[in-house]
Amino acid sequence: MKYVWGILIIALGAVMVIKTDWFVENFGHSEWAEEHFGGGGTRLMYKVLGIAIIFLSLMGMTGMLGEVIVKVFGRLFGI
């Protein structure tokens, strides 16, 4: 079942990268992204977010996500 969810989430990330203009039209511009990334920063933010979603979903499907989270945040919880 995790593969089905993973493929659906990867498709969502791909749609975010391909149809960035639709997301900007429906969800609006981000002042923070425009300020920090320059002109067109909102579109860049949606594309980077889509790529991150794809990457995290692939890691979750292969079982790597849990290991990475433990390595990064393990010291906070004494693991």
PDB file of N, CA and C in Angstrom:
ATOM      1  N   MET A   1       0.817  -1.197   0.000  1.00  0.00           N
ATOM      2  CA  MET A   1       0.000   0.000   0.000  1.00  0.00           C
ATOM      3  C   MET A   1       0.860   1.261   0.000  1.00  0.00           C
ATOM      4  N   LYS A   2       2.064   1.148   0.620  1.00  0.00           N
ATOM      5  CA  LYS A   2       2.919   2.330   0.651  1.00  0.00           C
ATOM      6  C   LYS A   2       3.376   2.734  -0.748  1.00  0.00           C
ATOM      7  N   TYR A   3       3.441   1.763  -1.651  1.00  0.00           N
ATOM      8  CA  TYR A   3       3.843   2.101  -3.015  1.00  0.00           C
ATOM      9  C   TYR A   3       2.749   2.860  -3.751  1.00  0.00           C
ATOM     10  N   VAL A   4       1.506   2.506  -3.478  1.00  0.00           N
ATOM     11  CA  VAL A   4       0.390   3.226  -4.105  1.00  0.00           C
ATOM     12  C   VAL A   4       0.379   4.672  -3.632  1.00  0.00           C
ATOM     13  N   TRP A   5       0.483   4.859  -2.307  1.00  0.00           N
ATOM     14  CA  TRP A   5       0.520   6.229  -1.770  1.00  0.00           C
ATOM     15  C   TRP A   5       1.750   6.975  -2.284  1.00  0.00           C
ATOM     16  N   GLY A   6       2.878   6.293  -2.345  1.00  0.00           N
ATOM     17  CA  GLY A   6       4.099   6.930  -2.831  1.00  0.00           C
ATOM     18  C   GLY A   6       3.959   7.416  -4.264  1.00  0.00           C
ATOM     19  N   ILE A   7       3.364   6.590  -5.118  1.00  0.00           N
ATOM     20  CA  ILE A   7       3.180   6.981  -6.520  1.00  0.00           C
ATOM     21  C   ILE A   7       2.223   8.164  -6.624  1.00  0.00           C
ATOM     22  N   LEU A   8       1.155   8.155  -5.806  1.00  0.00           N
ATOM     23  CA  LEU A   8       0.219   9.289  -5.822  1.00  0.00           C
ATOM     24  C   LEU A   8       0.890  10.581  -5.351  1.00  0.00           C
ATOM     25  N   ILE A   9       1.724  10.483  -4.325  1.00  0.00           N
ATOM     26  CA  ILE A   9       2.414  11.675  -3.827  1.00  0.00           C
ATOM     27  C   ILE A   9       3.454  12.151  -4.840  1.00  0.00           C
ATOM     28  N   ILE A  10       4.130  11.230  -5.507  1.00  0.00           N
ATOM     29  CA  ILE A  10       5.076  11.612  -6.560  1.00  0.00           C
ATOM     30  C   ILE A  10       4.333  12.319  -7.687  1.00  0.00           C
ATOM     31  N   ALA A  11       3.146  11.831  -8.025  1.00  0.00           N
ATOM     32  CA  ALA A  11       2.342  12.494  -9.065  1.00  0.00           C
ATOM     33  C   ALA A  11       1.966  13.907  -8.631  1.00  0.00           C
ATOM     34  N   LEU A  12       1.618  14.091  -7.357  1.00  0.00           N
ATOM     35  CA  LEU A  12       1.317  15.431  -6.853  1.00  0.00           C
ATOM     36  C   LEU A  12       2.529  16.354  -6.980  1.00  0.00           C
ATOM     37  N   GLY A  13       3.707  15.857  -6.620  1.00  0.00           N
ATOM     38  CA  GLY A  13       4.924  16.652  -6.755  1.00  0.00           C
ATOM     39  C   GLY A  13       5.211  17.005  -8.204  1.00  0.00           C
ATOM     40  N   ALA A  14       4.976  16.057  -9.108  1.00  0.00           N
ATOM     41  CA  ALA A  14       5.194  16.327 -10.532  1.00  0.00           C
ATOM     42  C   ALA A  14       4.217  17.379 -11.046  1.00  0.00           C
ATOM     43  N   VAL A  15       2.965  17.305 -10.587  1.00  0.00           N
ATOM     44  CA  VAL A  15       1.978  18.312 -10.996  1.00  0.00           C
ATOM     45  C   VAL A  15       2.388  19.682 -10.474  1.00  0.00           C
ATOM     46  N   MET A  16       2.943  19.727  -9.250  1.00  0.00           N
ATOM     47  CA  MET A  16       3.397  21.017  -8.710  1.00  0.00           C
ATOM     48  C   MET A  16       4.510  21.613  -9.557  1.00  0.00           C
ATOM     49  N   VAL A  17       5.389  20.769 -10.061  1.00  0.00           N
ATOM     50  CA  VAL A  17       6.496  21.270 -10.879  1.00  0.00           C
ATOM     51  C   VAL A  17       6.001  21.666 -12.269  1.00  0.00           C
ATOM     52  N   ILE A  18       5.114  20.879 -12.855  1.00  0.00           N
ATOM     53  CA  ILE A  18       4.669  21.127 -14.224  1.00  0.00           C
ATOM     54  C   ILE A  18       3.647  22.254 -14.303  1.00  0.00           C
ATOM     55  N   LYS A  19       2.696  22.262 -13.396  1.00  0.00           N
ATOM     56  CA  LYS A  19       1.591  23.234 -13.420  1.00  0.00           C
ATOM     57  C   LYS A  19       1.771  24.313 -12.352  1.00  0.00           C
ATOM     58  N   THR A  20       2.954  24.883 -12.258  1.00  0.00           N
ATOM     59  CA  THR A  20       3.256  25.886 -11.253  1.00  0.00           C
ATOM     60  C   THR A  20       2.348  27.102 -11.388  1.00  0.00           C
ATOM     61  N   ASP A  21       2.061  27.520 -12.604  1.00  0.00           N
ATOM     62  CA  ASP A  21       1.203  28.694 -12.801  1.00  0.00           C
ATOM     63  C   ASP A  21      -0.182  28.479 -12.212  1.00  0.00           C
ATOM     64  N   TRP A  22      -0.723  27.270 -12.314  1.00  0.00           N
ATOM     65  CA  TRP A  22      -2.036  26.974 -11.735  1.00  0.00           C
ATOM     66  C   TRP A  22      -2.007  27.149 -10.220  1.00  0.00           C
ATOM     67  N   PHE A  23      -0.928  26.687  -9.577  1.00  0.00           N
ATOM     68  CA  PHE A  23      -0.811  26.833  -8.131  1.00  0.00           C
ATOM     69  C   PHE A  23      -0.692  28.300  -7.732  1.00  0.00           C
ATOM     70  N   VAL A  24       0.056  29.079  -8.505  1.00  0.00           N
ATOM     71  CA  VAL A  24       0.199  30.511  -8.199  1.00  0.00           C
ATOM     72  C   VAL A  24      -1.140  31.216  -8.367  1.00  0.00           C
ATOM     73  N   GLU A  25      -1.880  30.884  -9.417  1.00  0.00           N
ATOM     74  CA  GLU A  25      -3.183  31.519  -9.638  1.00  0.00           C
ATOM     75  C   GLU A  25      -4.182  31.173  -8.540  1.00  0.00           C
ATOM     76  N   ASN A  26      -4.168  29.938  -8.062  1.00  0.00           N
ATOM     77  CA  ASN A  26      -5.157  29.498  -7.084  1.00  0.00           C
ATOM     78  C   ASN A  26      -4.764  29.756  -5.638  1.00  0.00           C
ATOM     79  N   PHE A  27      -3.481  29.727  -5.327  1.00  0.00           N
ATOM     80  CA  PHE A  27      -3.043  29.909  -3.949  1.00  0.00           C
ATOM     81  C   PHE A  27      -2.360  31.252  -3.717  1.00  0.00           C
ATOM     82  N   GLY A  28      -2.085  31.983  -4.765  1.00  0.00           N
ATOM     83  CA  GLY A  28      -1.535  33.324  -4.632  1.00  0.00           C
ATOM     84  C   GLY A  28      -0.022  33.363  -4.538  1.00  0.00           C
ATOM     85  N   HIS A  29       0.476  34.589  -4.493  1.00  0.00           N
ATOM     86  CA  HIS A  29       1.915  34.825  -4.406  1.00  0.00           C
ATOM     87  C   HIS A  29       2.362  34.795  -2.951  1.00  0.00           C
ATOM     88  N   SER A  30       3.601  34.440  -2.746  1.00  0.00           N
ATOM     89  CA  SER A  30       4.201  34.426  -1.422  1.00  0.00           C
ATOM     90  C   SER A  30       5.162  35.612  -1.323  1.00  0.00           C
ATOM     91  N   GLU A  31       4.858  36.524  -0.429  1.00  0.00           N
ATOM     92  CA  GLU A  31       5.726  37.690  -0.257  1.00  0.00           C
ATOM     93  C   GLU A  31       7.119  37.272   0.209  1.00  0.00           C
ATOM     94  N   TRP A  32       7.159  36.254   1.079  1.00  0.00           N
ATOM     95  CA  TRP A  32       8.444  35.796   1.578  1.00  0.00           C
ATOM     96  C   TRP A  32       9.310  35.277   0.432  1.00  0.00           C
ATOM     97  N   ALA A  33       8.728  34.461  -0.444  1.00  0.00           N
ATOM     98  CA  ALA A  33       9.479  33.887  -1.568  1.00  0.00           C
ATOM     99  C   ALA A  33       9.910  34.978  -2.540  1.00  0.00           C
ATOM    100  N   GLU A  34       9.031  35.930  -2.795  1.00  0.00           N
ATOM    101  CA  GLU A  34       9.385  37.024  -3.709  1.00  0.00           C
ATOM    102  C   GLU A  34      10.533  37.853  -3.138  1.00  0.00           C
ATOM    103  N   GLU A  35      10.539  38.044  -1.828  1.00  0.00           N
ATOM    104  CA  GLU A  35      11.585  38.845  -1.190  1.00  0.00           C
ATOM    105  C   GLU A  35      12.930  38.118  -1.185  1.00  0.00           C
ATOM    106  N   HIS A  36      12.905  36.826  -0.885  1.00  0.00           N
ATOM    107  CA  HIS A  36      14.154  36.091  -0.729  1.00  0.00           C
ATOM    108  C   HIS A  36      14.684  35.476  -2.018  1.00  0.00           C
ATOM    109  N   PHE A  37      13.816  35.141  -2.960  1.00  0.00           N
ATOM    110  CA  PHE A  37      14.249  34.523  -4.206  1.00  0.00           C
ATOM    111  C   PHE A  37      14.228  35.487  -5.383  1.00  0.00           C
ATOM    112  N   GLY A  38      13.755  36.701  -5.172  1.00  0.00           N
ATOM    113  CA  GLY A  38      13.695  37.677  -6.257  1.00  0.00           C
ATOM    114  C   GLY A  38      12.420  37.536  -7.068  1.00  0.00           C
ATOM    115  N   GLY A  39      12.395  38.196  -8.223  1.00  0.00           N
ATOM    116  CA  GLY A  39      11.224  38.126  -9.099  1.00  0.00           C
ATOM    117  C   GLY A  39      10.960  36.702  -9.554  1.00  0.00           C
ATOM    118  N   GLY A  40       9.709  36.260  -9.466  1.00  0.00           N
ATOM    119  CA  GLY A  40       9.365  34.892  -9.820  1.00  0.00           C
ATOM    120  C   GLY A  40       9.687  33.907  -8.715  1.00  0.00           C
ATOM    121  N   GLY A  41       9.931  34.409  -7.521  1.00  0.00           N
ATOM    122  CA  GLY A  41      10.305  33.553  -6.399  1.00  0.00           C
ATOM    123  C   GLY A  41       9.210  32.600  -5.975  1.00  0.00           C
ATOM    124  N   THR A  42       7.958  33.008  -6.153  1.00  0.00           N
ATOM    125  CA  THR A  42       6.854  32.126  -5.789  1.00  0.00           C
ATOM    126  C   THR A  42       6.836  30.889  -6.670  1.00  0.00           C
ATOM    127  N   ARG A  43       7.056  31.071  -7.952  1.00  0.00           N
ATOM    128  CA  ARG A  43       7.100  29.926  -8.863  1.00  0.00           C
ATOM    129  C   ARG A  43       8.267  29.002  -8.518  1.00  0.00           C
ATOM    130  N   LEU A  44       9.402  29.591  -8.207  1.00  0.00           N
ATOM    131  CA  LEU A  44      10.558  28.792  -7.809  1.00  0.00           C
ATOM    132  C   LEU A  44      10.260  28.025  -6.525  1.00  0.00           C
ATOM    133  N   MET A  45       9.577  28.652  -5.578  1.00  0.00           N
ATOM    134  CA  MET A  45       9.241  27.993  -4.323  1.00  0.00           C
ATOM    135  C   MET A  45       8.342  26.777  -4.569  1.00  0.00           C
ATOM    136  N   TYR A  46       7.331  26.923  -5.434  1.00  0.00           N
ATOM    137  CA  TYR A  46       6.448  25.799  -5.729  1.00  0.00           C
ATOM    138  C   TYR A  46       7.198  24.679  -6.434  1.00  0.00           C
ATOM    139  N   LYS A  47       8.112  25.016  -7.315  1.00  0.00           N
ATOM    140  CA  LYS A  47       8.888  23.986  -8.016  1.00  0.00           C
ATOM    141  C   LYS A  47       9.815  23.248  -7.051  1.00  0.00           C
ATOM    142  N   VAL A  48      10.493  23.976  -6.174  1.00  0.00           N
ATOM    143  CA  VAL A  48      11.379  23.341  -5.197  1.00  0.00           C
ATOM    144  C   VAL A  48      10.570  22.483  -4.230  1.00  0.00           C
ATOM    145  N   LEU A  49       9.410  22.970  -3.819  1.00  0.00           N
ATOM    146  CA  LEU A  49       8.544  22.198  -2.936  1.00  0.00           C
ATOM    147  C   LEU A  49       8.082  20.908  -3.619  1.00  0.00           C
ATOM    148  N   GLY A  50       7.741  20.977  -4.892  1.00  0.00           N
ATOM    149  CA  GLY A  50       7.344  19.785  -5.640  1.00  0.00           C
ATOM    150  C   GLY A  50       8.473  18.776  -5.746  1.00  0.00           C
ATOM    151  N   ILE A  51       9.678  19.237  -6.001  1.00  0.00           N
ATOM    152  CA  ILE A  51      10.832  18.338  -6.093  1.00  0.00           C
ATOM    153  C   ILE A  51      11.123  17.717  -4.731  1.00  0.00           C
ATOM    154  N   ALA A  52      10.996  18.497  -3.649  1.00  0.00           N
ATOM    155  CA  ALA A  52      11.205  17.967  -2.306  1.00  0.00           C
ATOM    156  C   ALA A  52      10.160  16.899  -1.975  1.00  0.00           C
ATOM    157  N   ILE A  53       8.915  17.119  -2.387  1.00  0.00           N
ATOM    158  CA  ILE A  53       7.860  16.128  -2.158  1.00  0.00           C
ATOM    159  C   ILE A  53       8.182  14.831  -2.891  1.00  0.00           C
ATOM    160  N   ILE A  54       8.648  14.942  -4.129  1.00  0.00           N
ATOM    161  CA  ILE A  54       9.021  13.750  -4.898  1.00  0.00           C
ATOM    162  C   ILE A  54      10.160  13.012  -4.204  1.00  0.00           C
ATOM    163  N   PHE A  55      11.169  13.736  -3.789  1.00  0.00           N
ATOM    164  CA  PHE A  55      12.344  13.137  -3.158  1.00  0.00           C
ATOM    165  C   PHE A  55      11.971  12.452  -1.837  1.00  0.00           C
ATOM    166  N   LEU A  56      11.184  13.132  -1.000  1.00  0.00           N
ATOM    167  CA  LEU A  56      10.781  12.553   0.284  1.00  0.00           C
ATOM    168  C   LEU A  56       9.887  11.329   0.087  1.00  0.00           C
ATOM    169  N   SER A  57       9.035  11.366  -0.921  1.00  0.00           N
ATOM    170  CA  SER A  57       8.174  10.222  -1.199  1.00  0.00           C
ATOM    171  C   SER A  57       9.001   9.014  -1.650  1.00  0.00           C
ATOM    172  N   LEU A  58       9.982   9.233  -2.495  1.00  0.00           N
ATOM    173  CA  LEU A  58      10.860   8.140  -2.915  1.00  0.00           C
ATOM    174  C   LEU A  58      11.614   7.559  -1.727  1.00  0.00           C
ATOM    175  N   MET A  59      12.074   8.423  -0.833  1.00  0.00           N
ATOM    176  CA  MET A  59      12.766   7.946   0.363  1.00  0.00           C
ATOM    177  C   MET A  59      11.822   7.140   1.251  1.00  0.00           C
ATOM    178  N   GLY A  60      10.577   7.579   1.365  1.00  0.00           N
ATOM    179  CA  GLY A  60       9.605   6.846   2.161  1.00  0.00           C
ATOM    180  C   GLY A  60       9.269   5.493   1.568  1.00  0.00           C
ATOM    181  N   MET A  61       9.181   5.421   0.254  1.00  0.00           N
ATOM    182  CA  MET A  61       8.867   4.157  -0.412  1.00  0.00           C
ATOM    183  C   MET A  61       9.997   3.141  -0.263  1.00  0.00           C
ATOM    184  N   THR A  62      11.227   3.609  -0.238  1.00  0.00           N
ATOM    185  CA  THR A  62      12.364   2.694  -0.142  1.00  0.00           C
ATOM    186  C   THR A  62      12.774   2.400   1.289  1.00  0.00           C
ATOM    187  N   GLY A  63      12.178   3.085   2.260  1.00  0.00           N
ATOM    188  CA  GLY A  63      12.501   2.844   3.656  1.00  0.00           C
ATOM    189  C   GLY A  63      13.657   3.679   4.179  1.00  0.00           C
ATOM    190  N   MET A  64      14.142   4.594   3.405  1.00  0.00           N
ATOM    191  CA  MET A  64      15.270   5.421   3.829  1.00  0.00           C
ATOM    192  C   MET A  64      14.847   6.604   4.688  1.00  0.00           C
ATOM    193  N   LEU A  65      13.613   7.028   4.601  1.00  0.00           N
ATOM    194  CA  LEU A  65      13.167   8.240   5.283  1.00  0.00           C
ATOM    195  C   LEU A  65      13.293   8.119   6.795  1.00  0.00           C
ATOM    196  N   GLY A  66      12.910   6.989   7.355  1.00  0.00           N
ATOM    197  CA  GLY A  66      13.004   6.793   8.797  1.00  0.00           C
ATOM    198  C   GLY A  66      14.435   6.872   9.291  1.00  0.00           C
ATOM    199  N   GLU A  67      15.344   6.275   8.554  1.00  0.00           N
ATOM    200  CA  GLU A  67      16.750   6.298   8.944  1.00  0.00           C
ATOM    201  C   GLU A  67      17.314   7.707   8.909  1.00  0.00           C
ATOM    202  N   VAL A  68      16.957   8.458   7.900  1.00  0.00           N
ATOM    203  CA  VAL A  68      17.453   9.833   7.781  1.00  0.00           C
ATOM    204  C   VAL A  68      16.892  10.695   8.909  1.00  0.00           C
ATOM    205  N   ILE A  69      15.621  10.528   9.230  1.00  0.00           N
ATOM    206  CA  ILE A  69      15.019  11.311  10.311  1.00  0.00           C
ATOM    207  C   ILE A  69      15.685  10.984  11.640  1.00  0.00           C
ATOM    208  N   VAL A  70      15.961   9.711  11.883  1.00  0.00           N
ATOM    209  CA  VAL A  70      16.630   9.328  13.127  1.00  0.00           C
ATOM    210  C   VAL A  70      18.033   9.907  13.179  1.00  0.00           C
ATOM    211  N   LYS A  71      18.756   9.867  12.063  1.00  0.00           N
ATOM    212  CA  LYS A  71      20.119  10.407  12.039  1.00  0.00           C
ATOM    213  C   LYS A  71      20.130  11.917  12.275  1.00  0.00           C
ATOM    214  N   VAL A  72      19.147  12.626  11.704  1.00  0.00           N
ATOM    215  CA  VAL A  72      19.131  14.084  11.822  1.00  0.00           C
ATOM    216  C   VAL A  72      18.611  14.517  13.185  1.00  0.00           C
ATOM    217  N   PHE A  73      17.499  13.913  13.631  1.00  0.00           N
ATOM    218  CA  PHE A  73      16.845  14.375  14.851  1.00  0.00           C
ATOM    219  C   PHE A  73      17.043  13.436  16.038  1.00  0.00           C
ATOM    220  N   GLY A  74      17.799  12.373  15.906  1.00  0.00           N
ATOM    221  CA  GLY A  74      17.953  11.393  16.966  1.00  0.00           C
ATOM    222  C   GLY A  74      18.554  11.947  18.242  1.00  0.00           C
ATOM    223  N   ARG A  75      19.482  12.863  18.143  1.00  0.00           N
ATOM    224  CA  ARG A  75      20.121  13.436  19.319  1.00  0.00           C
ATOM    225  C   ARG A  75      19.149  14.239  20.178  1.00  0.00           C
ATOM    226  N   LEU A  76      18.128  14.808  19.545  1.00  0.00           N
ATOM    227  CA  LEU A  76      17.150  15.581  20.300  1.00  0.00           C
ATOM    228  C   LEU A  76      16.349  14.691  21.239  1.00  0.00           C
ATOM    229  N   PHE A  77      16.149  13.429  20.853  1.00  0.00           N
ATOM    230  CA  PHE A  77      15.321  12.521  21.616  1.00  0.00           C
ATOM    231  C   PHE A  77      16.136  11.417  22.308  1.00  0.00           C
ATOM    232  N   GLY A  78      17.448  11.520  22.265  1.00  0.00           N
ATOM    233  CA  GLY A  78      18.295  10.542  22.938  1.00  0.00           C
ATOM    234  C   GLY A  78      18.336   9.182  22.279  1.00  0.00           C
ATOM    235  N   ILE A  79      18.151   9.145  20.974  1.00  0.00           N
ATOM    236  CA  ILE A  79      18.179   7.869  20.262  1.00  0.00           C
ATOM    237  C   ILE A  79      19.573   7.627  19.723  1.00  0.00           C
TER     238      ILE A  79
END
